[in-house]
Amino acid sequence: MAVDLSFFRSETSQRLRAESRAEDILLILTARGLDIPEPVHERITSCTDLETLRTWLTRAVTVGAAEDVFVETGV
């Protein structure tokens, strides 16, 4: 019996994963006590690229300011 997995490759599924990852980034920044200016919040929540969001999520753990999630460290 074949299982239809098309939903997991759909635009809706992609959007939901991106929204979830954006929420995680904001949660980490908030938990770390960092101020999240509206432009930063908007940029994070409007991004739909999962790889970009993954990069920002990783950076959110160590940045000194929320804006720094967008800055490549060169490490």
Protein backbone atom coordinates (compact mmCIF):
# COMPACT_ATOMS: atom_id res chain seq x y z
CA MET A 1 0.00 0.00 0.00
CA ALA A 2 1.46 3.37 -1.07
CA VAL A 3 1.28 6.33 1.26
CA ASP A 4 0.69 9.78 -0.21
CA LEU A 5 3.53 11.98 1.04
CA SER A 6 2.87 14.88 -1.32
CA PHE A 7 1.79 17.15 1.54
CA PHE A 8 5.31 17.07 2.97
CA ARG A 9 6.67 18.49 -0.29
CA SER A 10 3.88 21.01 -0.74
CA GLU A 11 4.07 24.80 -0.50
CA THR A 12 1.83 24.65 2.57
CA SER A 13 4.17 22.27 4.33
CA GLN A 14 7.18 24.41 3.37
CA ARG A 15 5.45 27.54 4.71
CA LEU A 16 4.55 25.81 7.98
CA ARG A 17 8.13 24.63 8.50
CA ALA A 18 9.44 28.13 7.78
CA GLU A 19 6.95 29.72 10.19
CA SER A 20 7.93 27.24 12.89
CA ARG A 21 11.64 27.88 12.39
CA ALA A 22 11.07 31.66 12.48
CA GLU A 23 9.16 31.27 15.75
CA ASP A 24 12.07 29.25 17.16
CA ILE A 25 14.53 32.01 16.26
CA LEU A 26 12.37 34.64 17.94
CA LEU A 27 11.91 32.40 20.98
CA ILE A 28 15.66 31.96 21.38
CA LEU A 29 16.35 35.67 21.01
CA THR A 30 13.61 36.48 23.52
CA ALA A 31 14.79 33.83 25.99
CA ARG A 32 18.26 35.31 25.80
CA GLY A 33 16.81 38.69 26.78
CA LEU A 34 17.65 40.37 23.48
CA ASP A 35 15.54 43.22 22.15
CA ILE A 36 13.94 42.36 18.79
CA PRO A 37 13.31 45.51 16.78
CA GLU A 38 10.32 45.43 14.41
CA PRO A 39 12.46 45.32 11.23
CA VAL A 40 14.32 42.27 12.59
CA HIS A 41 11.05 40.59 13.58
CA GLU A 42 9.59 41.31 10.14
CA ARG A 43 12.65 40.00 8.27
CA ILE A 44 12.69 36.78 10.27
CA THR A 45 8.95 36.11 10.00
CA SER A 46 8.79 36.92 6.28
CA CYS A 47 11.65 34.62 5.31
CA THR A 48 10.57 31.36 3.65
CA ASP A 49 13.99 29.89 2.86
CA LEU A 50 14.61 27.03 5.29
CA GLU A 51 18.40 27.07 4.87
CA THR A 52 18.56 30.79 5.63
CA LEU A 53 16.33 30.30 8.65
CA ARG A 54 18.53 27.42 9.81
CA THR A 55 21.58 29.66 9.60
CA TRP A 56 19.80 32.40 11.54
CA LEU A 57 18.63 29.86 14.14
CA THR A 58 22.20 28.72 14.72
CA ARG A 59 23.40 32.30 15.05
CA ALA A 60 20.55 33.22 17.42
CA VAL A 61 22.17 31.06 20.09
CA THR A 62 25.30 33.20 20.33
CA VAL A 63 24.70 36.70 18.91
CA GLY A 64 25.00 39.77 21.08
CA ALA A 65 22.12 41.61 19.38
CA ALA A 66 19.14 40.36 17.42
CA GLU A 67 20.32 42.20 14.28
CA ASP A 68 23.48 40.08 14.30
CA VAL A 69 21.61 36.95 13.18
CA PHE A 70 21.91 38.42 9.67
CA VAL A 71 25.66 39.06 9.88
CA GLU A 72 28.08 36.44 8.68
CA THR A 73 30.83 36.00 11.22
CA GLY A 74 33.43 34.54 8.85
CA VAL A 75 34.16 31.71 11.28
